[in-house]
């Protein structure tokens, strides 16, 4: 799809190794393949705001103290706890029942949390299951080990968990583990201080109580801090994410559209889902197009024009659905 536009260059196994900035603008990137990239606008979609961090933006990690954003659900003192990570794996129907052999170097008992964690298993149309250990590893341990070592350890835990399921419940013996994701699912790493930081108050107020005129996506997932304490609770109604959450403080030609955007730790535990991140990417791309078309900076983009363009792309920005969008959704279904 990107190739069909004839305007996109996709680079794999490539990142940036240096960034040049001047007066709140990103001027160029030096890539690991030796190329230098210049552009009018840059969008950081790295997950934890790696580009923003390299540009000197202020970042947040862990849980902020209650006093920073006046959040009743926050701890009294700041800490380094973050949401746990997940390694998704798939099990498929087997030709004959049996228990897959556990490698000799992997214990049969759970060694990382005392007892095996809860697992979510969602069935595919083909009959197999998408399996998600909640969580596979606590966030602090992931940060301590690093990506490569954490992934190896999670592969061991997935094997142990699957052996435990097959040993304890005979129905699982009709399946075989057929695939494990090539990378860990990260719910949280670092977050960037943006022109606005979404907080627990936004989630509690919902769309009906928020006074923002620049909402570019809505979300409704529960506040759920996997492995980071604080439990989980549903939000009362969908809430909006303002465009200002995508504008790193002090920069005029860079946006951040990922889990590292302007969210407090509690807000991030709700709006971190991929579906919301995709909508933030759509909003960031639309804003950059409008800024380029009108020769202006990203913070100066006309908010009414941005929201109107997103609505034209069938992005839902109200709740309940307005009649025109409801008709579109029904037609599509």
C-alpha atoms as a PDB file:
ATOM      1  CA  UNK A   1       0.000   0.000   0.000  1.00  0.00           C
ATOM      2  CA  UNK A   2       2.819   2.394   0.778  1.00  0.00           C
ATOM      3  CA  UNK A   3       4.598   1.528  -2.453  1.00  0.00           C
ATOM      4  CA  UNK A   4       1.445   2.259  -4.442  1.00  0.00           C
ATOM      5  CA  UNK A   5       1.542   5.903  -3.323  1.00  0.00           C
ATOM      6  CA  UNK A   6       4.920   6.312  -5.104  1.00  0.00           C
ATOM      7  CA  UNK A   7       5.717   8.848  -2.361  1.00  0.00           C
ATOM      8  CA  UNK A   8       6.939   6.584   0.452  1.00  0.00           C
ATOM      9  CA  UNK A   9      10.356   5.083   1.036  1.00  0.00           C
ATOM     10  CA  UNK A  10      10.340   2.216   3.526  1.00  0.00           C
ATOM     11  CA  UNK A  11      13.625   1.428   5.297  1.00  0.00           C
ATOM     12  CA  UNK A  12      13.884  -1.749   7.368  1.00  0.00           C
ATOM     13  CA  UNK A  13      16.534  -2.527  10.001  1.00  0.00           C
ATOM     14  CA  UNK A  14      17.334   1.185   9.994  1.00  0.00           C
ATOM     15  CA  UNK A  15      17.130   3.851  12.671  1.00  0.00           C
ATOM     16  CA  UNK A  16      18.679   7.250  13.286  1.00  0.00           C
ATOM     17  CA  UNK A  17      22.010   7.679  15.020  1.00  0.00           C
ATOM     18  CA  UNK A  18      22.116  11.458  15.248  1.00  0.00           C
ATOM     19  CA  UNK A  19      19.680  14.356  15.025  1.00  0.00           C
ATOM     20  CA  UNK A  20      20.282  18.022  14.261  1.00  0.00           C
ATOM     21  CA  UNK A  21      17.981  20.665  15.790  1.00  0.00           C
ATOM     22  CA  UNK A  22      17.848  24.444  15.772  1.00  0.00           C
ATOM     23  CA  UNK A  23      15.499  26.823  17.616  1.00  0.00           C
ATOM     24  CA  UNK A  24      12.781  24.291  18.277  1.00  0.00           C
ATOM     25  CA  UNK A  25      12.992  22.649  14.861  1.00  0.00           C
ATOM     26  CA  UNK A  26      14.306  19.277  13.762  1.00  0.00           C
ATOM     27  CA  UNK A  27      16.645  20.025  10.867  1.00  0.00           C
ATOM     28  CA  UNK A  28      17.904  16.577   9.821  1.00  0.00           C
ATOM     29  CA  UNK A  29      18.477  12.968  10.824  1.00  0.00           C
ATOM     30  CA  UNK A  30      21.607  10.907  10.206  1.00  0.00           C
ATOM     31  CA  UNK A  31      20.497   7.310   9.659  1.00  0.00           C
ATOM     32  CA  UNK A  32      22.394   4.153  10.539  1.00  0.00           C
ATOM     33  CA  UNK A  33      22.666   3.351   6.824  1.00  0.00           C
ATOM     34  CA  UNK A  34      24.718   6.538   6.364  1.00  0.00           C
ATOM     35  CA  UNK A  35      21.973   8.579   4.704  1.00  0.00           C
ATOM     36  CA  UNK A  36      20.956  12.052   5.904  1.00  0.00           C
ATOM     37  CA  UNK A  37      17.252  12.921   5.900  1.00  0.00           C
ATOM     38  CA  UNK A  38      15.780  16.413   5.847  1.00  0.00           C
ATOM     39  CA  UNK A  39      12.071  17.243   5.910  1.00  0.00           C
ATOM     40  CA  UNK A  40       9.619  20.010   6.699  1.00  0.00           C
ATOM     41  CA  UNK A  41       7.981  17.880   9.398  1.00  0.00           C
ATOM     42  CA  UNK A  42       8.904  14.848  11.501  1.00  0.00           C
ATOM     43  CA  UNK A  43       6.631  12.394  13.322  1.00  0.00           C
ATOM     44  CA  UNK A  44       8.031  10.297  16.152  1.00  0.00           C
ATOM     45  CA  UNK A  45       6.321   6.890  16.087  1.00  0.00           C
ATOM     46  CA  UNK A  46       9.039   4.972  17.935  1.00  0.00           C
ATOM     47  CA  UNK A  47       6.817   3.868  20.825  1.00  0.00           C
ATOM     48  CA  UNK A  48       8.763   5.583  23.600  1.00  0.00           C
ATOM     49  CA  UNK A  49       9.615   8.906  21.991  1.00  0.00           C
ATOM     50  CA  UNK A  50      13.194   8.066  20.982  1.00  0.00           C
ATOM     51  CA  UNK A  51      13.401  10.929  18.485  1.00  0.00           C
ATOM     52  CA  UNK A  52      11.938  13.419  20.948  1.00  0.00           C
ATOM     53  CA  UNK A  53      14.384  12.271  23.621  1.00  0.00           C
ATOM     54  CA  UNK A  54      17.313  12.700  21.234  1.00  0.00           C
ATOM     55  CA  UNK A  55      16.082  16.229  20.537  1.00  0.00           C
ATOM     56  CA  UNK A  56      16.257  17.072  24.240  1.00  0.00           C
ATOM     57  CA  UNK A  57      12.551  16.940  25.043  1.00  0.00           C
ATOM     58  CA  UNK A  58      11.573  16.386  28.667  1.00  0.00           C
ATOM     59  CA  UNK A  59      10.482  12.785  29.221  1.00  0.00           C
ATOM     60  CA  UNK A  60       8.574  10.959  31.959  1.00  0.00           C
ATOM     61  CA  UNK A  61       9.099   7.381  33.090  1.00  0.00           C
ATOM     62  CA  UNK A  62       7.304   5.418  35.762  1.00  0.00           C
ATOM     63  CA  UNK A  63       4.451   6.641  37.918  1.00  0.00           C
ATOM     64  CA  UNK A  64       4.332  10.340  38.728  1.00  0.00           C
ATOM     65  CA  UNK A  65       3.642  11.501  42.256  1.00  0.00           C
ATOM     66  CA  UNK A  66       0.062  12.446  43.116  1.00  0.00           C
ATOM     67  CA  UNK A  67       0.956  16.120  43.327  1.00  0.00           C
ATOM     68  CA  UNK A  68       2.328  16.477  39.788  1.00  0.00           C
ATOM     69  CA  UNK A  69      -1.029  16.311  38.046  1.00  0.00           C
ATOM     70  CA  UNK A  70      -3.221  16.255  41.171  1.00  0.00           C
ATOM     71  CA  UNK A  71      -4.315  12.703  40.400  1.00  0.00           C
ATOM     72  CA  UNK A  72      -6.065  10.821  43.228  1.00  0.00           C
ATOM     73  CA  UNK A  73      -5.076   7.433  41.770  1.00  0.00           C
ATOM     74  CA  UNK A  74      -1.343   8.236  41.697  1.00  0.00           C
ATOM     75  CA  UNK A  75       1.130   7.218  44.431  1.00  0.00           C
ATOM     76  CA  UNK A  76       2.273   9.713  47.054  1.00  0.00           C
ATOM     77  CA  UNK A  77       5.845   9.554  45.778  1.00  0.00           C
ATOM     78  CA  UNK A  78       7.102   8.940  42.221  1.00  0.00           C
ATOM     79  CA  UNK A  79       8.407   5.493  41.350  1.00  0.00           C
ATOM     80  CA  UNK A  80       9.853   3.577  38.383  1.00  0.00           C
ATOM     81  CA  UNK A  81       7.003   1.076  38.002  1.00  0.00           C
ATOM     82  CA  UNK A  82       5.660   0.656  34.463  1.00  0.00           C
ATOM     83  CA  UNK A  83       3.130  -1.635  32.818  1.00  0.00           C
ATOM     84  CA  UNK A  84       4.251  -5.193  32.172  1.00  0.00           C
ATOM     85  CA  UNK A  85       5.166  -6.562  28.752  1.00  0.00           C
ATOM     86  CA  UNK A  86       3.604  -9.433  26.835  1.00  0.00           C
ATOM     87  CA  UNK A  87       4.850 -12.074  24.426  1.00  0.00           C
ATOM     88  CA  UNK A  88       1.893 -13.229  22.341  1.00  0.00           C
ATOM     89  CA  UNK A  89       1.881 -16.840  21.161  1.00  0.00           C
ATOM     90  CA  UNK A  90      -0.464 -18.933  19.075  1.00  0.00           C
ATOM     91  CA  UNK A  91      -1.704 -22.494  19.516  1.00  0.00           C
ATOM     92  CA  UNK A  92      -3.238 -24.472  16.629  1.00  0.00           C
ATOM     93  CA  UNK A  93      -5.339 -27.659  16.468  1.00  0.00           C
ATOM     94  CA  UNK A  94      -3.231 -30.823  16.558  1.00  0.00           C
ATOM     95  CA  UNK A  95      -3.734 -34.055  14.615  1.00  0.00           C
ATOM     96  CA  UNK A  96      -3.437 -36.118  17.791  1.00  0.00           C
ATOM     97  CA  UNK A  97      -3.671 -35.331  21.494  1.00  0.00           C
ATOM     98  CA  UNK A  98      -0.550 -34.998  23.621  1.00  0.00           C
ATOM     99  CA  UNK A  99       1.641 -32.724  25.726  1.00  0.00           C
ATOM    100  CA  UNK A 100       4.467 -30.893  23.999  1.00  0.00           C
ATOM    101  CA  UNK A 101       7.845 -31.688  25.513  1.00  0.00           C
ATOM    102  CA  UNK A 102       9.251 -28.983  27.745  1.00  0.00           C
ATOM    103  CA  UNK A 103      12.981 -28.323  27.180  1.00  0.00           C
ATOM    104  CA  UNK A 104      15.152 -29.743  29.977  1.00  0.00           C
ATOM    105  CA  UNK A 105      16.502 -26.312  30.967  1.00  0.00           C
ATOM    106  CA  UNK A 106      13.035 -24.848  31.675  1.00  0.00           C
ATOM    107  CA  UNK A 107      11.457 -25.573  35.117  1.00  0.00           C
ATOM    108  CA  UNK A 108       7.957 -27.040  35.241  1.00  0.00           C
ATOM    109  CA  UNK A 109       6.937 -24.726  38.078  1.00  0.00           C
ATOM    110  CA  UNK A 110       6.501 -20.957  37.742  1.00  0.00           C
ATOM    111  CA  UNK A 111       9.755 -19.294  38.791  1.00  0.00           C
ATOM    112  CA  UNK A 112       8.944 -15.644  38.113  1.00  0.00           C
ATOM    113  CA  UNK A 113       5.775 -14.900  40.083  1.00  0.00           C
ATOM    114  CA  UNK A 114       5.155 -17.786  42.434  1.00  0.00           C
ATOM    115  CA  UNK A 115       2.261 -19.124  40.388  1.00  0.00           C
ATOM    116  CA  UNK A 116       1.406 -19.014  36.717  1.00  0.00           C
ATOM    117  CA  UNK A 117      -0.328 -15.764  35.708  1.00  0.00           C
ATOM    118  CA  UNK A 118      -3.768 -15.392  34.163  1.00  0.00           C
ATOM    119  CA  UNK A 119      -3.826 -15.982  30.417  1.00  0.00           C
ATOM    120  CA  UNK A 120      -6.200 -14.537  27.841  1.00  0.00           C
ATOM    121  CA  UNK A 121      -6.986 -16.963  24.988  1.00  0.00           C
ATOM    122  CA  UNK A 122      -8.999 -15.569  22.068  1.00  0.00           C
ATOM    123  CA  UNK A 123     -10.133 -18.056  19.428  1.00  0.00           C
ATOM    124  CA  UNK A 124      -9.300 -17.604  15.747  1.00  0.00           C
ATOM    125  CA  UNK A 125     -11.858 -18.538  13.055  1.00  0.00           C
ATOM    126  CA  UNK A 126      -9.563 -21.443  12.157  1.00  0.00           C
ATOM    127  CA  UNK A 127      -9.956 -22.917  15.633  1.00  0.00           C
ATOM    128  CA  UNK A 128      -6.602 -21.949  17.160  1.00  0.00           C
ATOM    129  CA  UNK A 129      -6.075 -19.429  19.945  1.00  0.00           C
ATOM    130  CA  UNK A 130      -4.203 -16.168  20.376  1.00  0.00           C
ATOM    131  CA  UNK A 131      -2.663 -16.431  23.860  1.00  0.00           C
ATOM    132  CA  UNK A 132      -1.646 -13.508  26.029  1.00  0.00           C
ATOM    133  CA  UNK A 133      -0.066 -13.992  29.464  1.00  0.00           C
ATOM    134  CA  UNK A 134      -1.063 -11.018  31.640  1.00  0.00           C
ATOM    135  CA  UNK A 135       1.698  -9.972  31.908  1.00  0.00           C
ATOM    136  CA  UNK A 136       4.562 -12.142  30.714  1.00  0.00           C
ATOM    137  CA  UNK A 137       7.126  -9.906  32.462  1.00  0.00           C
ATOM    138  CA  UNK A 138       6.904  -6.923  34.789  1.00  0.00           C
ATOM    139  CA  UNK A 139       8.002  -3.629  33.293  1.00  0.00           C
ATOM    140  CA  UNK A 140      10.839  -3.035  35.752  1.00  0.00           C
ATOM    141  CA  UNK A 141      12.380  -6.416  34.932  1.00  0.00           C
ATOM    142  CA  UNK A 142      12.127  -5.643  31.204  1.00  0.00           C
ATOM    143  CA  UNK A 143      13.979  -2.356  31.694  1.00  0.00           C
ATOM    144  CA  UNK A 144      16.658  -4.102  33.759  1.00  0.00           C
ATOM    145  CA  UNK A 145      17.256  -6.927  31.278  1.00  0.00           C
ATOM    146  CA  UNK A 146      16.997  -4.999  28.018  1.00  0.00           C
ATOM    147  CA  UNK A 147      15.062  -6.038  24.918  1.00  0.00           C
ATOM    148  CA  UNK A 148      17.124  -9.002  23.740  1.00  0.00           C
ATOM    149  CA  UNK A 149      17.546 -10.719  27.120  1.00  0.00           C
ATOM    150  CA  UNK A 150      13.935  -9.973  28.084  1.00  0.00           C
ATOM    151  CA  UNK A 151      12.684 -11.581  24.880  1.00  0.00           C
ATOM    152  CA  UNK A 152      14.733 -14.749  25.506  1.00  0.00           C
ATOM    153  CA  UNK A 153      13.394 -14.977  29.051  1.00  0.00           C
ATOM    154  CA  UNK A 154       9.807 -14.460  27.884  1.00  0.00           C
ATOM    155  CA  UNK A 155      10.192 -17.289  25.362  1.00  0.00           C
ATOM    156  CA  UNK A 156      11.103 -19.553  28.294  1.00  0.00           C
ATOM    157  CA  UNK A 157       8.081 -18.357  30.283  1.00  0.00           C
ATOM    158  CA  UNK A 158       5.727 -18.910  27.368  1.00  0.00           C
ATOM    159  CA  UNK A 159       6.960 -22.494  27.034  1.00  0.00           C
ATOM    160  CA  UNK A 160       6.510 -23.113  30.773  1.00  0.00           C
ATOM    161  CA  UNK A 161       3.028 -21.580  30.795  1.00  0.00           C
ATOM    162  CA  UNK A 162       1.921 -23.677  27.822  1.00  0.00           C
ATOM    163  CA  UNK A 163       3.266 -26.875  29.416  1.00  0.00           C
ATOM    164  CA  UNK A 164       1.365 -25.976  32.602  1.00  0.00           C
ATOM    165  CA  UNK A 165      -1.882 -25.520  30.650  1.00  0.00           C
ATOM    166  CA  UNK A 166      -1.513 -28.779  28.764  1.00  0.00           C
ATOM    167  CA  UNK A 167      -0.626 -30.675  31.939  1.00  0.00           C
ATOM    168  CA  UNK A 168      -3.538 -29.329  33.958  1.00  0.00           C
ATOM    169  CA  UNK A 169      -6.353 -29.140  31.417  1.00  0.00           C
ATOM    170  CA  UNK A 170      -6.826 -32.001  28.973  1.00  0.00           C
ATOM    171  CA  UNK A 171      -8.603 -29.839  26.358  1.00  0.00           C
ATOM    172  CA  UNK A 172      -5.333 -28.050  25.656  1.00  0.00           C
ATOM    173  CA  UNK A 173      -3.710 -31.349  24.651  1.00  0.00           C
ATOM    174  CA  UNK A 174      -5.593 -31.101  21.370  1.00  0.00           C
ATOM    175  CA  UNK A 175      -3.439 -28.096  20.408  1.00  0.00           C
ATOM    176  CA  UNK A 176       0.209 -27.374  19.703  1.00  0.00           C
ATOM    177  CA  UNK A 177       2.079 -24.110  20.120  1.00  0.00           C
ATOM    178  CA  UNK A 178       2.641 -23.043  16.515  1.00  0.00           C
ATOM    179  CA  UNK A 179       4.036 -19.505  16.713  1.00  0.00           C
ATOM    180  CA  UNK A 180       5.424 -16.862  19.041  1.00  0.00           C
ATOM    181  CA  UNK A 181       5.596 -13.155  18.203  1.00  0.00           C
ATOM    182  CA  UNK A 182       9.023 -11.970  16.996  1.00  0.00           C
ATOM    183  CA  UNK A 183       9.005  -9.071  19.465  1.00  0.00           C
ATOM    184  CA  UNK A 184       7.595  -8.249  22.883  1.00  0.00           C
ATOM    185  CA  UNK A 185       4.413  -6.229  23.226  1.00  0.00           C
ATOM    186  CA  UNK A 186       5.387  -3.095  25.170  1.00  0.00           C
ATOM    187  CA  UNK A 187       2.577  -1.317  26.975  1.00  0.00           C
ATOM    188  CA  UNK A 188       4.741   1.498  28.313  1.00  0.00           C
ATOM    189  CA  UNK A 189       8.313   2.808  28.281  1.00  0.00           C
ATOM    190  CA  UNK A 190       8.929   6.567  28.374  1.00  0.00           C
ATOM    191  CA  UNK A 191       6.504   9.418  27.652  1.00  0.00           C
ATOM    192  CA  UNK A 192       7.189  12.938  26.385  1.00  0.00           C
ATOM    193  CA  UNK A 193       6.045  16.168  28.013  1.00  0.00           C
ATOM    194  CA  UNK A 194       3.859  17.800  25.365  1.00  0.00           C
ATOM    195  CA  UNK A 195       1.849  21.002  25.173  1.00  0.00           C
ATOM    196  CA  UNK A 196      -0.874  19.118  27.029  1.00  0.00           C
ATOM    197  CA  UNK A 197      -0.541  16.001  29.156  1.00  0.00           C
ATOM    198  CA  UNK A 198      -3.618  13.771  29.272  1.00  0.00           C
ATOM    199  CA  UNK A 199      -4.381  12.798  32.875  1.00  0.00           C
ATOM    200  CA  UNK A 200      -6.729  10.779  35.025  1.00  0.00           C
ATOM    201  CA  UNK A 201      -9.014  13.828  35.190  1.00  0.00           C
ATOM    202  CA  UNK A 202      -9.662  13.611  31.428  1.00  0.00           C
ATOM    203  CA  UNK A 203     -10.572   9.947  31.747  1.00  0.00           C
ATOM    204  CA  UNK A 204     -12.922  10.641  34.665  1.00  0.00           C
ATOM    205  CA  UNK A 205     -14.668  13.560  32.946  1.00  0.00           C
ATOM    206  CA  UNK A 206     -15.183  11.834  29.620  1.00  0.00           C
ATOM    207  CA  UNK A 207     -16.170  13.626  26.431  1.00  0.00           C
ATOM    208  CA  UNK A 208     -19.172  15.233  28.079  1.00  0.00           C
ATOM    209  CA  UNK A 209     -16.972  16.889  30.699  1.00  0.00           C
ATOM    210  CA  UNK A 210     -13.852  17.763  28.707  1.00  0.00           C
ATOM    211  CA  UNK A 211     -13.516  21.333  27.460  1.00  0.00           C
ATOM    212  CA  UNK A 212     -10.889  20.697  24.757  1.00  0.00           C
ATOM    213  CA  UNK A 213     -11.504  22.082  21.268  1.00  0.00           C
ATOM    214  CA  UNK A 214      -8.707  20.038  19.681  1.00  0.00           C
ATOM    215  CA  UNK A 215      -9.716  16.413  20.300  1.00  0.00           C
ATOM    216  CA  UNK A 216      -8.395  14.225  17.458  1.00  0.00           C
ATOM    217  CA  UNK A 217      -9.332  10.749  18.699  1.00  0.00           C
ATOM    218  CA  UNK A 218     -11.485   9.147  21.350  1.00  0.00           C
ATOM    219  CA  UNK A 219     -10.754   6.112  23.514  1.00  0.00           C
ATOM    220  CA  UNK A 220     -12.649   4.044  26.049  1.00  0.00           C
ATOM    221  CA  UNK A 221     -10.399   1.245  27.321  1.00  0.00           C
ATOM    222  CA  UNK A 222     -10.249   0.550  31.045  1.00  0.00           C
ATOM    223  CA  UNK A 223      -7.454   1.924  33.214  1.00  0.00           C
ATOM    224  CA  UNK A 224      -5.363  -1.225  33.518  1.00  0.00           C
ATOM    225  CA  UNK A 225      -1.852  -1.202  34.962  1.00  0.00           C
ATOM    226  CA  UNK A 226      -0.629  -4.710  34.140  1.00  0.00           C
ATOM    227  CA  UNK A 227       1.844  -5.696  36.811  1.00  0.00           C
ATOM    228  CA  UNK A 228       2.396  -2.099  37.948  1.00  0.00           C
ATOM    229  CA  UNK A 229      -0.102  -2.034  40.826  1.00  0.00           C
ATOM    230  CA  UNK A 230      -3.269   0.015  41.108  1.00  0.00           C
ATOM    231  CA  UNK A 231      -5.632  -2.607  39.701  1.00  0.00           C
ATOM    232  CA  UNK A 232      -8.069  -1.921  36.885  1.00  0.00           C
ATOM    233  CA  UNK A 233     -11.328  -0.032  36.476  1.00  0.00           C
ATOM    234  CA  UNK A 234     -13.598   0.914  33.617  1.00  0.00           C
ATOM    235  CA  UNK A 235     -14.081   4.486  32.420  1.00  0.00           C
ATOM    236  CA  UNK A 236     -17.653   5.781  32.606  1.00  0.00           C
ATOM    237  CA  UNK A 237     -17.718   7.026  29.010  1.00  0.00           C
ATOM    238  CA  UNK A 238     -15.334   7.561  26.089  1.00  0.00           C
ATOM    239  CA  UNK A 239     -12.851  10.409  26.478  1.00  0.00           C
ATOM    240  CA  UNK A 240     -10.915  12.476  23.961  1.00  0.00           C
ATOM    241  CA  UNK A 241      -7.198  12.885  23.270  1.00  0.00           C
ATOM    242  CA  UNK A 242      -6.298  16.498  22.337  1.00  0.00           C
ATOM    243  CA  UNK A 243      -4.015  17.355  19.431  1.00  0.00           C
ATOM    244  CA  UNK A 244      -1.742  19.145  21.925  1.00  0.00           C
ATOM    245  CA  UNK A 245      -0.803  15.718  23.352  1.00  0.00           C
ATOM    246  CA  UNK A 246       1.058  15.161  20.068  1.00  0.00           C
ATOM    247  CA  UNK A 247       3.094  18.408  20.133  1.00  0.00           C
ATOM    248  CA  UNK A 248       6.356  18.046  22.100  1.00  0.00           C
ATOM    249  CA  UNK A 249       6.871  21.093  24.257  1.00  0.00           C
ATOM    250  CA  UNK A 250       9.083  23.653  22.522  1.00  0.00           C
ATOM    251  CA  UNK A 251       9.057  22.153  18.996  1.00  0.00           C
ATOM    252  CA  UNK A 252       7.317  23.546  15.930  1.00  0.00           C
ATOM    253  CA  UNK A 253       7.858  20.889  13.248  1.00  0.00           C
ATOM    254  CA  UNK A 254       7.701  17.611  15.169  1.00  0.00           C
ATOM    255  CA  UNK A 255       4.780  15.526  16.407  1.00  0.00           C
ATOM    256  CA  UNK A 256       4.763  12.350  18.473  1.00  0.00           C
ATOM    257  CA  UNK A 257       2.135   9.727  17.642  1.00  0.00           C
ATOM    258  CA  UNK A 258       2.773   6.652  19.773  1.00  0.00           C
ATOM    259  CA  UNK A 259       2.551   5.415  23.360  1.00  0.00           C
ATOM    260  CA  UNK A 260       5.255   7.920  24.239  1.00  0.00           C
ATOM    261  CA  UNK A 261       2.976  10.913  23.585  1.00  0.00           C
ATOM    262  CA  UNK A 262       1.776  13.383  26.215  1.00  0.00           C
ATOM    263  CA  UNK A 263       0.097  11.026  28.692  1.00  0.00           C
ATOM    264  CA  UNK A 264       0.405  10.668  32.436  1.00  0.00           C
ATOM    265  CA  UNK A 265       1.140   7.127  33.596  1.00  0.00           C
ATOM    266  CA  UNK A 266      -2.505   6.506  34.552  1.00  0.00           C
ATOM    267  CA  UNK A 267      -3.876   7.918  31.290  1.00  0.00           C
ATOM    268  CA  UNK A 268      -1.312   5.913  29.307  1.00  0.00           C
ATOM    269  CA  UNK A 269      -2.539   2.680  30.889  1.00  0.00           C
ATOM    270  CA  UNK A 270      -5.907   3.292  29.207  1.00  0.00           C
ATOM    271  CA  UNK A 271      -5.196   4.969  25.855  1.00  0.00           C
ATOM    272  CA  UNK A 272      -2.111   2.840  24.993  1.00  0.00           C
ATOM    273  CA  UNK A 273      -4.043   0.386  22.786  1.00  0.00           C
ATOM    274  CA  UNK A 274      -3.004  -0.063  19.151  1.00  0.00           C
ATOM    275  CA  UNK A 275      -6.386   1.108  17.872  1.00  0.00           C
ATOM    276  CA  UNK A 276      -5.870   4.479  19.584  1.00  0.00           C
ATOM    277  CA  UNK A 277      -2.253   4.745  18.443  1.00  0.00           C
ATOM    278  CA  UNK A 278      -3.340   4.189  14.833  1.00  0.00           C
ATOM    279  CA  UNK A 279      -5.799   7.056  15.147  1.00  0.00           C
ATOM    280  CA  UNK A 280      -3.092   9.307  16.603  1.00  0.00           C
ATOM    281  CA  UNK A 281      -0.938   8.464  13.591  1.00  0.00           C
ATOM    282  CA  UNK A 282      -3.800   9.382  11.282  1.00  0.00           C
ATOM    283  CA  UNK A 283      -4.259  12.681  13.116  1.00  0.00           C
ATOM    284  CA  UNK A 284      -0.531  13.461  12.991  1.00  0.00           C
ATOM    285  CA  UNK A 285      -0.308  12.719   9.272  1.00  0.00           C
ATOM    286  CA  UNK A 286      -3.383  14.835   8.575  1.00  0.00           C
ATOM    287  CA  UNK A 287      -1.990  17.730  10.639  1.00  0.00           C
ATOM    288  CA  UNK A 288       1.328  17.579   8.773  1.00  0.00           C
ATOM    289  CA  UNK A 289      -0.497  17.639   5.424  1.00  0.00           C
ATOM    290  CA  UNK A 290      -2.523  20.700   6.477  1.00  0.00           C
ATOM    291  CA  UNK A 291       0.590  22.463   7.795  1.00  0.00           C
ATOM    292  CA  UNK A 292       2.455  21.801   4.550  1.00  0.00           C
ATOM    293  CA  UNK A 293      -0.449  22.910   2.405  1.00  0.00           C
ATOM    294  CA  UNK A 294      -0.833  26.172   4.319  1.00  0.00           C
ATOM    295  CA  UNK A 295       2.867  26.833   4.964  1.00  0.00           C
ATOM    296  CA  UNK A 296       2.563  26.947   8.742  1.00  0.00           C
ATOM    297  CA  UNK A 297       4.027  25.285  11.820  1.00  0.00           C
ATOM    298  CA  UNK A 298       2.410  22.226  13.354  1.00  0.00           C
ATOM    299  CA  UNK A 299       1.191  24.017  16.518  1.00  0.00           C
ATOM    300  CA  UNK A 300      -0.474  26.639  14.300  1.00  0.00           C
ATOM    301  CA  UNK A 301      -2.633  24.152  12.364  1.00  0.00           C
ATOM    302  CA  UNK A 302      -6.271  25.242  12.247  1.00  0.00           C
ATOM    303  CA  UNK A 303      -8.038  22.952  14.711  1.00  0.00           C
ATOM    304  CA  UNK A 304     -11.439  23.151  13.072  1.00  0.00           C
ATOM    305  CA  UNK A 305      -9.906  22.242   9.717  1.00  0.00           C
ATOM    306  CA  UNK A 306      -8.001  19.340  11.309  1.00  0.00           C
ATOM    307  CA  UNK A 307     -11.098  17.919  12.979  1.00  0.00           C
ATOM    308  CA  UNK A 308     -13.174  18.431   9.839  1.00  0.00           C
ATOM    309  CA  UNK A 309     -10.614  16.566   7.751  1.00  0.00           C
ATOM    310  CA  UNK A 310     -10.537  13.668  10.222  1.00  0.00           C
ATOM    311  CA  UNK A 311     -14.337  13.466  10.256  1.00  0.00           C
ATOM    312  CA  UNK A 312     -14.289  13.391   6.456  1.00  0.00           C
ATOM    313  CA  UNK A 313     -12.015  10.335   6.803  1.00  0.00           C
ATOM    314  CA  UNK A 314     -14.752   8.780   8.999  1.00  0.00           C
ATOM    315  CA  UNK A 315     -12.875   9.243  12.279  1.00  0.00           C
ATOM    316  CA  UNK A 316     -15.317   9.269  15.173  1.00  0.00           C
ATOM    317  CA  UNK A 317     -14.807  12.318  17.400  1.00  0.00           C
ATOM    318  CA  UNK A 318     -18.179  12.355  19.170  1.00  0.00           C
ATOM    319  CA  UNK A 319     -20.120   9.979  21.365  1.00  0.00           C
ATOM    320  CA  UNK A 320     -22.757   8.734  20.746  1.00  0.00           C
ATOM    321  CA  UNK A 321     -22.218   8.483  16.981  1.00  0.00           C
ATOM    322  CA  UNK A 322     -23.689  11.406  14.998  1.00  0.00           C
ATOM    323  CA  UNK A 323     -26.348  10.417  12.465  1.00  0.00           C
ATOM    324  CA  UNK A 324     -24.158  10.893   9.389  1.00  0.00           C
ATOM    325  CA  UNK A 325     -21.359   8.711  10.742  1.00  0.00           C
ATOM    326  CA  UNK A 326     -23.802   6.139  12.113  1.00  0.00           C
ATOM    327  CA  UNK A 327     -25.310   5.777   8.644  1.00  0.00           C
ATOM    328  CA  UNK A 328     -21.816   5.288   7.192  1.00  0.00           C
ATOM    329  CA  UNK A 329     -20.915   2.600   9.725  1.00  0.00           C
ATOM    330  CA  UNK A 330     -24.188   0.742   9.141  1.00  0.00           C
ATOM    331  CA  UNK A 331     -23.667   0.876   5.364  1.00  0.00           C
ATOM    332  CA  UNK A 332     -20.119  -0.458   5.710  1.00  0.00           C
ATOM    333  CA  UNK A 333     -21.262  -3.326   7.932  1.00  0.00           C
END
